[in-house]
Amino acid sequence: MKEIRQNHVNGIFKYQLYESLIISFIVLILSIFLQISINYSGKLEEILFECWVFCVSYFAFSTYRIINLLLKIIFATDAQEQISKNEKSEEQKRQQLHHINKLNRQEKNN
């Protein structure tokens, strides 16, 4: 999340979330209208069905995009934490090695 804020992509992220949410409600409303119009045949039903297919396709694309972005954020954070853990452990190893060398010198002096 820090990287999102640093790169000023909060607006894009919010837009994509809202876009996915709004299109899901449109799909829901169109599905309800299609269910109501199941007993009627005509041009309106065909237009509603074509709109519904378009909206479902767009919703699938939009949802994939936002999930992909969220997964990148999650795994990038995990990778950065792992790197920082490794860096800390390397520093700890250096400190331990320094401490061991110091003890060895003290033994030799005694």
PDB file of N, CA and C in Angstrom:
ATOM      1  N   MET A   1       0.820  -1.189   0.000  1.00  0.00           N
ATOM      2  CA  MET A   1       0.000   0.000   0.000  1.00  0.00           C
ATOM      3  C   MET A   1       0.867   1.256   0.000  1.00  0.00           C
ATOM      4  N   LYS A   2       2.053   1.147   0.626  1.00  0.00           N
ATOM      5  CA  LYS A   2       2.949   2.300   0.628  1.00  0.00           C
ATOM      6  C   LYS A   2       3.361   2.657  -0.791  1.00  0.00           C
ATOM      7  N   GLU A   3       3.651   1.634  -1.598  1.00  0.00           N
ATOM      8  CA  GLU A   3       4.048   1.884  -2.983  1.00  0.00           C
ATOM      9  C   GLU A   3       2.909   2.490  -3.785  1.00  0.00           C
ATOM     10  N   ILE A   4       1.690   2.063  -3.507  1.00  0.00           N
ATOM     11  CA  ILE A   4       0.534   2.626  -4.212  1.00  0.00           C
ATOM     12  C   ILE A   4       0.431   4.106  -3.907  1.00  0.00           C
ATOM     13  N   ARG A   5       0.580   4.448  -2.631  1.00  0.00           N
ATOM     14  CA  ARG A   5       0.498   5.855  -2.245  1.00  0.00           C
ATOM     15  C   ARG A   5       1.669   6.651  -2.788  1.00  0.00           C
ATOM     16  N   GLN A   6       2.869   6.055  -2.776  1.00  0.00           N
ATOM     17  CA  GLN A   6       4.050   6.756  -3.272  1.00  0.00           C
ATOM     18  C   GLN A   6       3.956   7.029  -4.768  1.00  0.00           C
ATOM     19  N   ASN A   7       3.369   6.102  -5.501  1.00  0.00           N
ATOM     20  CA  ASN A   7       3.262   6.257  -6.950  1.00  0.00           C
ATOM     21  C   ASN A   7       1.970   6.954  -7.372  1.00  0.00           C
ATOM     22  N   HIS A   8       1.185   7.405  -6.402  1.00  0.00           N
ATOM     23  CA  HIS A   8      -0.057   8.159  -6.651  1.00  0.00           C
ATOM     24  C   HIS A   8      -1.028   7.397  -7.555  1.00  0.00           C
ATOM     25  N   VAL A   9      -1.234   6.114  -7.249  1.00  0.00           N
ATOM     26  CA  VAL A   9      -2.184   5.312  -8.004  1.00  0.00           C
ATOM     27  C   VAL A   9      -3.440   4.993  -7.195  1.00  0.00           C
ATOM     28  N   ASN A  10      -3.637   5.725  -6.092  1.00  0.00           N
ATOM     29  CA  ASN A  10      -4.851   5.532  -5.299  1.00  0.00           C
ATOM     30  C   ASN A  10      -6.106   5.755  -6.132  1.00  0.00           C
ATOM     31  N   GLY A  11      -6.096   6.808  -6.958  1.00  0.00           N
ATOM     32  CA  GLY A  11      -7.257   7.130  -7.787  1.00  0.00           C
ATOM     33  C   GLY A  11      -7.579   6.033  -8.773  1.00  0.00           C
ATOM     34  N   ILE A  12      -6.562   5.501  -9.411  1.00  0.00           N
ATOM     35  CA  ILE A  12      -6.766   4.425 -10.386  1.00  0.00           C
ATOM     36  C   ILE A  12      -7.295   3.181  -9.691  1.00  0.00           C
ATOM     37  N   PHE A  13      -6.720   2.877  -8.534  1.00  0.00           N
ATOM     38  CA  PHE A  13      -7.139   1.705  -7.777  1.00  0.00           C
ATOM     39  C   PHE A  13      -8.601   1.824  -7.357  1.00  0.00           C
ATOM     40  N   LYS A  14      -8.991   2.987  -6.824  1.00  0.00           N
ATOM     41  CA  LYS A  14     -10.391   3.224  -6.433  1.00  0.00           C
ATOM     42  C   LYS A  14     -11.308   3.141  -7.641  1.00  0.00           C
ATOM     43  N   TYR A  15     -10.875   3.746  -8.755  1.00  0.00           N
ATOM     44  CA  TYR A  15     -11.686   3.734  -9.976  1.00  0.00           C
ATOM     45  C   TYR A  15     -11.947   2.302 -10.423  1.00  0.00           C
ATOM     46  N   GLN A  16     -10.926   1.467 -10.402  1.00  0.00           N
ATOM     47  CA  GLN A  16     -11.103   0.087 -10.843  1.00  0.00           C
ATOM     48  C   GLN A  16     -12.028  -0.685  -9.913  1.00  0.00           C
ATOM     49  N   LEU A  17     -11.920  -0.442  -8.619  1.00  0.00           N
ATOM     50  CA  LEU A  17     -12.825  -1.107  -7.677  1.00  0.00           C
ATOM     51  C   LEU A  17     -14.277  -0.665  -7.894  1.00  0.00           C
ATOM     52  N   TYR A  18     -14.475   0.645  -8.001  1.00  0.00           N
ATOM     53  CA  TYR A  18     -15.833   1.153  -8.229  1.00  0.00           C
ATOM     54  C   TYR A  18     -16.395   0.688  -9.565  1.00  0.00           C
ATOM     55  N   GLU A  19     -15.554   0.664 -10.584  1.00  0.00           N
ATOM     56  CA  GLU A  19     -15.989   0.215 -11.901  1.00  0.00           C
ATOM     57  C   GLU A  19     -16.487  -1.224 -11.834  1.00  0.00           C
ATOM     58  N   SER A  20     -15.735  -2.078 -11.172  1.00  0.00           N
ATOM     59  CA  SER A  20     -16.126  -3.475 -11.044  1.00  0.00           C
ATOM     60  C   SER A  20     -17.425  -3.610 -10.246  1.00  0.00           C
ATOM     61  N   LEU A  21     -17.560  -2.831  -9.201  1.00  0.00           N
ATOM     62  CA  LEU A  21     -18.762  -2.879  -8.376  1.00  0.00           C
ATOM     63  C   LEU A  21     -19.987  -2.385  -9.142  1.00  0.00           C
ATOM     64  N   ILE A  22     -19.855  -1.283  -9.852  1.00  0.00           N
ATOM     65  CA  ILE A  22     -20.976  -0.719 -10.605  1.00  0.00           C
ATOM     66  C   ILE A  22     -21.418  -1.658 -11.722  1.00  0.00           C
ATOM     67  N   ILE A  23     -20.456  -2.221 -12.438  1.00  0.00           N
ATOM     68  CA  ILE A  23     -20.823  -3.128 -13.544  1.00  0.00           C
ATOM     69  C   ILE A  23     -21.482  -4.396 -12.998  1.00  0.00           C
ATOM     70  N   SER A  24     -21.103  -4.824 -11.788  1.00  0.00           N
ATOM     71  CA  SER A  24     -21.768  -6.000 -11.207  1.00  0.00           C
ATOM     72  C   SER A  24     -23.229  -5.697 -10.894  1.00  0.00           C
ATOM     73  N   PHE A  25     -23.528  -4.490 -10.426  1.00  0.00           N
ATOM     74  CA  PHE A  25     -24.922  -4.118 -10.186  1.00  0.00           C
ATOM     75  C   PHE A  25     -25.702  -4.001 -11.492  1.00  0.00           C
ATOM     76  N   ILE A  26     -25.063  -3.516 -12.529  1.00  0.00           N
ATOM     77  CA  ILE A  26     -25.725  -3.444 -13.841  1.00  0.00           C
ATOM     78  C   ILE A  26     -26.052  -4.843 -14.342  1.00  0.00           C
ATOM     79  N   VAL A  27     -25.123  -5.779 -14.155  1.00  0.00           N
ATOM     80  CA  VAL A  27     -25.374  -7.174 -14.549  1.00  0.00           C
ATOM     81  C   VAL A  27     -26.545  -7.728 -13.750  1.00  0.00           C
ATOM     82  N   LEU A  28     -26.587  -7.430 -12.475  1.00  0.00           N
ATOM     83  CA  LEU A  28     -27.689  -7.900 -11.632  1.00  0.00           C
ATOM     84  C   LEU A  28     -29.027  -7.351 -12.115  1.00  0.00           C
ATOM     85  N   ILE A  29     -29.082  -6.066 -12.374  1.00  0.00           N
ATOM     86  CA  ILE A  29     -30.333  -5.441 -12.833  1.00  0.00           C
ATOM     87  C   ILE A  29     -30.767  -5.996 -14.188  1.00  0.00           C
ATOM     88  N   LEU A  30     -29.811  -6.133 -15.106  1.00  0.00           N
ATOM     89  CA  LEU A  30     -30.142  -6.711 -16.418  1.00  0.00           C
ATOM     90  C   LEU A  30     -30.613  -8.159 -16.277  1.00  0.00           C
ATOM     91  N   SER A  31     -30.022  -8.909 -15.364  1.00  0.00           N
ATOM     92  CA  SER A  31     -30.454 -10.294 -15.144  1.00  0.00           C
ATOM     93  C   SER A  31     -31.882 -10.341 -14.641  1.00  0.00           C
ATOM     94  N   ILE A  32     -32.221  -9.424 -13.757  1.00  0.00           N
ATOM     95  CA  ILE A  32     -33.595  -9.370 -13.250  1.00  0.00           C
ATOM     96  C   ILE A  32     -34.568  -9.042 -14.382  1.00  0.00           C
ATOM     97  N   PHE A  33     -34.230  -8.048 -15.194  1.00  0.00           N
ATOM     98  CA  PHE A  33     -35.097  -7.695 -16.319  1.00  0.00           C
ATOM     99  C   PHE A  33     -35.212  -8.840 -17.323  1.00  0.00           C
ATOM    100  N   LEU A  34     -34.125  -9.543 -17.561  1.00  0.00           N
ATOM    101  CA  LEU A  34     -34.194 -10.689 -18.474  1.00  0.00           C
ATOM    102  C   LEU A  34     -35.072 -11.794 -17.909  1.00  0.00           C
ATOM    103  N   GLN A  35     -34.998 -12.022 -16.608  1.00  0.00           N
ATOM    104  CA  GLN A  35     -35.850 -13.035 -15.986  1.00  0.00           C
ATOM    105  C   GLN A  35     -37.324 -12.652 -16.088  1.00  0.00           C
ATOM    106  N   ILE A  36     -37.605 -11.375 -15.933  1.00  0.00           N
ATOM    107  CA  ILE A  36     -38.991 -10.900 -16.052  1.00  0.00           C
ATOM    108  C   ILE A  36     -39.476 -11.036 -17.486  1.00  0.00           C
ATOM    109  N   SER A  37     -38.608 -10.726 -18.436  1.00  0.00           N
ATOM    110  CA  SER A  37     -39.018 -10.737 -19.840  1.00  0.00           C
ATOM    111  C   SER A  37     -38.885 -12.096 -20.503  1.00  0.00           C
ATOM    112  N   ILE A  38     -38.689 -13.160 -19.721  1.00  0.00           N
ATOM    113  CA  ILE A  38     -38.504 -14.493 -20.301  1.00  0.00           C
ATOM    114  C   ILE A  38     -39.750 -14.968 -21.059  1.00  0.00           C
ATOM    115  N   ASN A  39     -40.912 -14.524 -20.647  1.00  0.00           N
ATOM    116  CA  ASN A  39     -42.160 -14.932 -21.296  1.00  0.00           C
ATOM    117  C   ASN A  39     -42.497 -14.077 -22.511  1.00  0.00           C
ATOM    118  N   TYR A  40     -41.744 -13.036 -22.735  1.00  0.00           N
ATOM    119  CA  TYR A  40     -42.003 -12.135 -23.851  1.00  0.00           C
ATOM    120  C   TYR A  40     -40.896 -12.297 -24.879  1.00  0.00           C
ATOM    121  N   SER A  41     -41.277 -12.296 -26.116  1.00  0.00           N
ATOM    122  CA  SER A  41     -40.259 -12.342 -27.167  1.00  0.00           C
ATOM    123  C   SER A  41     -40.398 -11.067 -27.992  1.00  0.00           C
ATOM    124  N   GLY A  42     -39.282 -10.602 -28.409  1.00  0.00           N
ATOM    125  CA  GLY A  42     -39.315  -9.378 -29.189  1.00  0.00           C
ATOM    126  C   GLY A  42     -37.941  -8.740 -29.232  1.00  0.00           C
ATOM    127  N   LYS A  43     -37.924  -7.576 -29.826  1.00  0.00           N
ATOM    128  CA  LYS A  43     -36.670  -6.854 -30.027  1.00  0.00           C
ATOM    129  C   LYS A  43     -36.061  -6.394 -28.697  1.00  0.00           C
ATOM    130  N   LEU A  44     -36.909  -5.980 -27.747  1.00  0.00           N
ATOM    131  CA  LEU A  44     -36.417  -5.495 -26.457  1.00  0.00           C
ATOM    132  C   LEU A  44     -35.657  -6.592 -25.709  1.00  0.00           C
ATOM    133  N   GLU A  45     -36.179  -7.806 -25.754  1.00  0.00           N
ATOM    134  CA  GLU A  45     -35.508  -8.921 -25.089  1.00  0.00           C
ATOM    135  C   GLU A  45     -34.149  -9.205 -25.730  1.00  0.00           C
ATOM    136  N   GLU A  46     -34.073  -9.123 -27.045  1.00  0.00           N
ATOM    137  CA  GLU A  46     -32.800  -9.335 -27.733  1.00  0.00           C
ATOM    138  C   GLU A  46     -31.778  -8.259 -27.362  1.00  0.00           C
ATOM    139  N   ILE A  47     -32.237  -7.021 -27.282  1.00  0.00           N
ATOM    140  CA  ILE A  47     -31.343  -5.911 -26.919  1.00  0.00           C
ATOM    141  C   ILE A  47     -30.863  -6.079 -25.471  1.00  0.00           C
ATOM    142  N   LEU A  48     -31.783  -6.434 -24.571  1.00  0.00           N
ATOM    143  CA  LEU A  48     -31.405  -6.666 -23.176  1.00  0.00           C
ATOM    144  C   LEU A  48     -30.383  -7.794 -23.066  1.00  0.00           C
ATOM    145  N   PHE A  49     -30.604  -8.863 -23.831  1.00  0.00           N
ATOM    146  CA  PHE A  49     -29.676  -9.995 -23.782  1.00  0.00           C
ATOM    147  C   PHE A  49     -28.302  -9.603 -24.303  1.00  0.00           C
ATOM    148  N   GLU A  50     -28.250  -8.840 -25.386  1.00  0.00           N
ATOM    149  CA  GLU A  50     -26.953  -8.397 -25.927  1.00  0.00           C
ATOM    150  C   GLU A  50     -26.241  -7.480 -24.941  1.00  0.00           C
ATOM    151  N   CYS A  51     -26.981  -6.595 -24.297  1.00  0.00           N
ATOM    152  CA  CYS A  51     -26.388  -5.728 -23.265  1.00  0.00           C
ATOM    153  C   CYS A  51     -25.874  -6.565 -22.093  1.00  0.00           C
ATOM    154  N   TRP A  52     -26.649  -7.572 -21.711  1.00  0.00           N
ATOM    155  CA  TRP A  52     -26.256  -8.438 -20.606  1.00  0.00           C
ATOM    156  C   TRP A  52     -24.972  -9.190 -20.931  1.00  0.00           C
ATOM    157  N   VAL A  53     -24.865  -9.727 -22.135  1.00  0.00           N
ATOM    158  CA  VAL A  53     -23.648 -10.453 -22.544  1.00  0.00           C
ATOM    159  C   VAL A  53     -22.447  -9.511 -22.526  1.00  0.00           C
ATOM    160  N   PHE A  54     -22.629  -8.295 -23.042  1.00  0.00           N
ATOM    161  CA  PHE A  54     -21.537  -7.317 -23.025  1.00  0.00           C
ATOM    162  C   PHE A  54     -21.118  -6.991 -21.591  1.00  0.00           C
ATOM    163  N   CYS A  55     -22.107  -6.741 -20.737  1.00  0.00           N
ATOM    164  CA  CYS A  55     -21.809  -6.374 -19.348  1.00  0.00           C
ATOM    165  C   CYS A  55     -21.144  -7.518 -18.582  1.00  0.00           C
ATOM    166  N   VAL A  56     -21.589  -8.748 -18.809  1.00  0.00           N
ATOM    167  CA  VAL A  56     -20.968  -9.892 -18.142  1.00  0.00           C
ATOM    168  C   VAL A  56     -19.522 -10.041 -18.602  1.00  0.00           C
ATOM    169  N   SER A  57     -19.277  -9.878 -19.885  1.00  0.00           N
ATOM    170  CA  SER A  57     -17.907  -9.964 -20.402  1.00  0.00           C
ATOM    171  C   SER A  57     -17.039  -8.856 -19.822  1.00  0.00           C
ATOM    172  N   TYR A  58     -17.560  -7.644 -19.792  1.00  0.00           N
ATOM    173  CA  TYR A  58     -16.820  -6.517 -19.234  1.00  0.00           C
ATOM    174  C   TYR A  58     -16.577  -6.711 -17.744  1.00  0.00           C
ATOM    175  N   PHE A  59     -17.576  -7.252 -17.034  1.00  0.00           N
ATOM    176  CA  PHE A  59     -17.433  -7.523 -15.607  1.00  0.00           C
ATOM    177  C   PHE A  59     -16.341  -8.562 -15.361  1.00  0.00           C
ATOM    178  N   ALA A  60     -16.306  -9.606 -16.172  1.00  0.00           N
ATOM    179  CA  ALA A  60     -15.274 -10.638 -16.013  1.00  0.00           C
ATOM    180  C   ALA A  60     -13.882 -10.035 -16.227  1.00  0.00           C
ATOM    181  N   PHE A  61     -13.736  -9.216 -17.245  1.00  0.00           N
ATOM    182  CA  PHE A  61     -12.451  -8.558 -17.511  1.00  0.00           C
ATOM    183  C   PHE A  61     -12.068  -7.619 -16.369  1.00  0.00           C
ATOM    184  N   SER A  62     -13.023  -6.826 -15.915  1.00  0.00           N
ATOM    185  CA  SER A  62     -12.776  -5.865 -14.846  1.00  0.00           C
ATOM    186  C   SER A  62     -12.409  -6.570 -13.543  1.00  0.00           C
ATOM    187  N   THR A  63     -13.116  -7.639 -13.234  1.00  0.00           N
ATOM    188  CA  THR A  63     -12.836  -8.396 -12.020  1.00  0.00           C
ATOM    189  C   THR A  63     -11.463  -9.038 -12.092  1.00  0.00           C
ATOM    190  N   TYR A  64     -11.113  -9.608 -13.233  1.00  0.00           N
ATOM    191  CA  TYR A  64      -9.780 -10.202 -13.402  1.00  0.00           C
ATOM    192  C   TYR A  64      -8.697  -9.145 -13.192  1.00  0.00           C
ATOM    193  N   ARG A  65      -8.913  -7.974 -13.740  1.00  0.00           N
ATOM    194  CA  ARG A  65      -7.926  -6.894 -13.630  1.00  0.00           C
ATOM    195  C   ARG A  65      -7.714  -6.483 -12.181  1.00  0.00           C
ATOM    196  N   ILE A  66      -8.786  -6.316 -11.424  1.00  0.00           N
ATOM    197  CA  ILE A  66      -8.656  -5.864 -10.041  1.00  0.00           C
ATOM    198  C   ILE A  66      -8.082  -6.974  -9.162  1.00  0.00           C
ATOM    199  N   ILE A  67      -8.461  -8.211  -9.397  1.00  0.00           N
ATOM    200  CA  ILE A  67      -7.897  -9.320  -8.622  1.00  0.00           C
ATOM    201  C   ILE A  67      -6.413  -9.469  -8.921  1.00  0.00           C
ATOM    202  N   ASN A  68      -6.045  -9.326 -10.178  1.00  0.00           N
ATOM    203  CA  ASN A  68      -4.640  -9.395 -10.563  1.00  0.00           C
ATOM    204  C   ASN A  68      -3.837  -8.302  -9.855  1.00  0.00           C
ATOM    205  N   LEU A  69      -4.379  -7.102  -9.803  1.00  0.00           N
ATOM    206  CA  LEU A  69      -3.716  -5.994  -9.127  1.00  0.00           C
ATOM    207  C   LEU A  69      -3.573  -6.270  -7.631  1.00  0.00           C
ATOM    208  N   LEU A  70      -4.630  -6.779  -7.009  1.00  0.00           N
ATOM    209  CA  LEU A  70      -4.570  -7.091  -5.583  1.00  0.00           C
ATOM    210  C   LEU A  70      -3.543  -8.187  -5.284  1.00  0.00           C
ATOM    211  N   LEU A  71      -3.488  -9.197  -6.138  1.00  0.00           N
ATOM    212  CA  LEU A  71      -2.498 -10.261  -5.941  1.00  0.00           C
ATOM    213  C   LEU A  71      -1.077  -9.741  -6.090  1.00  0.00           C
ATOM    214  N   LYS A  72      -0.869  -8.842  -7.042  1.00  0.00           N
ATOM    215  CA  LYS A  72       0.458  -8.246  -7.195  1.00  0.00           C
ATOM    216  C   LYS A  72       0.851  -7.476  -5.946  1.00  0.00           C
ATOM    217  N   ILE A  73      -0.105  -6.738  -5.387  1.00  0.00           N
ATOM    218  CA  ILE A  73       0.172  -5.966  -4.172  1.00  0.00           C
ATOM    219  C   ILE A  73       0.505  -6.905  -3.017  1.00  0.00           C
ATOM    220  N   ILE A  74      -0.290  -7.953  -2.854  1.00  0.00           N
ATOM    221  CA  ILE A  74      -0.079  -8.879  -1.746  1.00  0.00           C
ATOM    222  C   ILE A  74       1.271  -9.573  -1.864  1.00  0.00           C
ATOM    223  N   PHE A  75       1.567 -10.122  -3.045  1.00  0.00           N
ATOM    224  CA  PHE A  75       2.806 -10.866  -3.188  1.00  0.00           C
ATOM    225  C   PHE A  75       4.023  -9.960  -3.248  1.00  0.00           C
ATOM    226  N   ALA A  76       3.880  -8.743  -3.718  1.00  0.00           N
ATOM    227  CA  ALA A  76       5.008  -7.808  -3.706  1.00  0.00           C
ATOM    228  C   ALA A  76       5.348  -7.452  -2.273  1.00  0.00           C
ATOM    229  N   THR A  77       4.339  -7.281  -1.431  1.00  0.00           N
ATOM    230  CA  THR A  77       4.566  -6.987  -0.018  1.00  0.00           C
ATOM    231  C   THR A  77       5.248  -8.167   0.659  1.00  0.00           C
ATOM    232  N   ASP A  78       4.779  -9.395   0.375  1.00  0.00           N
ATOM    233  CA  ASP A  78       5.399 -10.579   0.962  1.00  0.00           C
ATOM    234  C   ASP A  78       6.854 -10.709   0.522  1.00  0.00           C
ATOM    235  N   ALA A  79       7.111 -10.439  -0.750  1.00  0.00           N
ATOM    236  CA  ALA A  79       8.477 -10.542  -1.257  1.00  0.00           C
ATOM    237  C   ALA A  79       9.369  -9.497  -0.601  1.00  0.00           C
ATOM    238  N   GLN A  80       8.858  -8.284  -0.420  1.00  0.00           N
ATOM    239  CA  GLN A  80       9.651  -7.239   0.223  1.00  0.00           C
ATOM    240  C   GLN A  80       9.922  -7.577   1.678  1.00  0.00           C
ATOM    241  N   GLU A  81       8.925  -8.147   2.370  1.00  0.00           N
ATOM    242  CA  GLU A  81       9.138  -8.548   3.758  1.00  0.00           C
ATOM    243  C   GLU A  81      10.181  -9.648   3.838  1.00  0.00           C
ATOM    244  N   GLN A  82      10.141 -10.591   2.900  1.00  0.00           N
ATOM    245  CA  GLN A  82      11.121 -11.683   2.876  1.00  0.00           C
ATOM    246  C   GLN A  82      12.519 -11.125   2.643  1.00  0.00           C
ATOM    247  N   ILE A  83      12.627 -10.158   1.744  1.00  0.00           N
ATOM    248  CA  ILE A  83      13.931  -9.545   1.473  1.00  0.00           C
ATOM    249  C   ILE A  83      14.442  -8.831   2.717  1.00  0.00           C
ATOM    250  N   SER A  84      13.559  -8.094   3.378  1.00  0.00           N
ATOM    251  CA  SER A  84      13.988  -7.381   4.588  1.00  0.00           C
ATOM    252  C   SER A  84      14.362  -8.364   5.694  1.00  0.00           C
ATOM    253  N   LYS A  85      13.658  -9.505   5.793  1.00  0.00           N
ATOM    254  CA  LYS A  85      14.024 -10.521   6.780  1.00  0.00           C
ATOM    255  C   LYS A  85      15.409 -11.082   6.473  1.00  0.00           C
ATOM    256  N   ASN A  86      15.660 -11.342   5.181  1.00  0.00           N
ATOM    257  CA  ASN A  86      16.969 -11.859   4.795  1.00  0.00           C
ATOM    258  C   ASN A  86      18.065 -10.844   5.092  1.00  0.00           C
ATOM    259  N   GLU A  87      17.792  -9.570   4.848  1.00  0.00           N
ATOM    260  CA  GLU A  87      18.771  -8.540   5.135  1.00  0.00           C
ATOM    261  C   GLU A  87      19.041  -8.463   6.631  1.00  0.00           C
ATOM    262  N   LYS A  88      17.995  -8.565   7.428  1.00  0.00           N
ATOM    263  CA  LYS A  88      18.174  -8.538   8.870  1.00  0.00           C
ATOM    264  C   LYS A  88      18.977  -9.743   9.319  1.00  0.00           C
ATOM    265  N   SER A  89      18.680 -10.898   8.771  1.00  0.00           N
ATOM    266  CA  SER A  89      19.405 -12.089   9.179  1.00  0.00           C
ATOM    267  C   SER A  89      20.872 -12.000   8.753  1.00  0.00           C
ATOM    268  N   GLU A  90      21.161 -11.387   7.623  1.00  0.00           N
ATOM    269  CA  GLU A  90      22.550 -11.190   7.210  1.00  0.00           C
ATOM    270  C   GLU A  90      23.261 -10.265   8.185  1.00  0.00           C
ATOM    271  N   GLU A  91      22.577  -9.225   8.617  1.00  0.00           N
ATOM    272  CA  GLU A  91      23.159  -8.303   9.598  1.00  0.00           C
ATOM    273  C   GLU A  91      23.386  -9.019  10.918  1.00  0.00           C
ATOM    274  N   GLN A  92      22.436  -9.832  11.308  1.00  0.00           N
ATOM    275  CA  GLN A  92      22.592 -10.603  12.536  1.00  0.00           C
ATOM    276  C   GLN A  92      23.763 -11.571  12.423  1.00  0.00           C
ATOM    277  N   LYS A  93      23.917 -12.178  11.264  1.00  0.00           N
ATOM    278  CA  LYS A  93      25.045 -13.091  11.056  1.00  0.00           C
ATOM    279  C   LYS A  93      26.373 -12.352  11.191  1.00  0.00           C
ATOM    280  N   ARG A  94      26.441 -11.153  10.635  1.00  0.00           N
ATOM    281  CA  ARG A  94      27.666 -10.359  10.749  1.00  0.00           C
ATOM    282  C   ARG A  94      27.959 -10.016  12.209  1.00  0.00           C
ATOM    283  N   GLN A  95      26.918  -9.649  12.930  1.00  0.00           N
ATOM    284  CA  GLN A  95      27.098  -9.320  14.340  1.00  0.00           C
ATOM    285  C   GLN A  95      27.555 -10.539  15.141  1.00  0.00           C
ATOM    286  N   GLN A  96      26.961 -11.697  14.834  1.00  0.00           N
ATOM    287  CA  GLN A  96      27.366 -12.915  15.523  1.00  0.00           C
ATOM    288  C   GLN A  96      28.812 -13.273  15.192  1.00  0.00           C
ATOM    289  N   LEU A  97      29.182 -13.153  13.932  1.00  0.00           N
ATOM    290  CA  LEU A  97      30.552 -13.441  13.527  1.00  0.00           C
ATOM    291  C   LEU A  97      31.519 -12.482  14.209  1.00  0.00           C
ATOM    292  N   HIS A  98      31.143 -11.234  14.282  1.00  0.00           N
ATOM    293  CA  HIS A  98      31.975 -10.241  14.968  1.00  0.00           C
ATOM    294  C   HIS A  98      32.117 -10.603  16.448  1.00  0.00           C
ATOM    295  N   HIS A  99      31.012 -11.018  17.066  1.00  0.00           N
ATOM    296  CA  HIS A  99      31.031 -11.410  18.472  1.00  0.00           C
ATOM    297  C   HIS A  99      31.923 -12.643  18.676  1.00  0.00           C
ATOM    298  N   ILE A 100      31.829 -13.618  17.795  1.00  0.00           N
ATOM    299  CA  ILE A 100      32.656 -14.829  17.884  1.00  0.00           C
ATOM    300  C   ILE A 100      34.131 -14.477  17.734  1.00  0.00           C
ATOM    301  N   ASN A 101      34.442 -13.625  16.772  1.00  0.00           N
ATOM    302  CA  ASN A 101      35.833 -13.200  16.586  1.00  0.00           C
ATOM    303  C   ASN A 101      36.354 -12.483  17.826  1.00  0.00           C
ATOM    304  N   LYS A 102      35.514 -11.667  18.418  1.00  0.00           N
ATOM    305  CA  LYS A 102      35.892 -10.940  19.628  1.00  0.00           C
ATOM    306  C   LYS A 102      36.177 -11.914  20.770  1.00  0.00           C
ATOM    307  N   LEU A 103      35.329 -12.945  20.910  1.00  0.00           N
ATOM    308  CA  LEU A 103      35.539 -13.955  21.945  1.00  0.00           C
ATOM    309  C   LEU A 103      36.819 -14.749  21.691  1.00  0.00           C
ATOM    310  N   ASN A 104      37.089 -15.064  20.423  1.00  0.00           N
ATOM    311  CA  ASN A 104      38.317 -15.795  20.078  1.00  0.00           C
ATOM    312  C   ASN A 104      39.553 -14.973  20.445  1.00  0.00           C
ATOM    313  N   ARG A 105      39.493 -13.677  20.189  1.00  0.00           N
ATOM    314  CA  ARG A 105      40.623 -12.819  20.530  1.00  0.00           C
ATOM    315  C   ARG A 105      40.845 -12.763  22.051  1.00  0.00           C
ATOM    316  N   GLN A 106      39.729 -12.725  22.781  1.00  0.00           N
ATOM    317  CA  GLN A 106      39.834 -12.692  24.236  1.00  0.00           C
ATOM    318  C   GLN A 106      40.447 -13.983  24.769  1.00  0.00           C
ATOM    319  N   GLU A 107      40.063 -15.126  24.155  1.00  0.00           N
ATOM    320  CA  GLU A 107      40.621 -16.425  24.563  1.00  0.00           C
ATOM    321  C   GLU A 107      42.112 -16.471  24.301  1.00  0.00           C
ATOM    322  N   LYS A 108      42.518 -15.971  23.152  1.00  0.00           N
ATOM    323  CA  LYS A 108      43.946 -15.981  22.804  1.00  0.00           C
ATOM    324  C   LYS A 108      44.734 -15.090  23.762  1.00  0.00           C
ATOM    325  N   ASN A 109      44.147 -13.990  24.171  1.00  0.00           N
ATOM    326  CA  ASN A 109      44.830 -13.090  25.100  1.00  0.00           C
ATOM    327  C   ASN A 109      44.920 -13.675  26.492  1.00  0.00           C
ATOM    328  N   ASN A 110      44.004 -14.539  26.868  1.00  0.00           N
ATOM    329  CA  ASN A 110      44.032 -15.153  28.202  1.00  0.00           C
ATOM    330  C   ASN A 110      44.930 -16.341  28.134  1.00  0.00           C
TER     331      ASN A 110
END
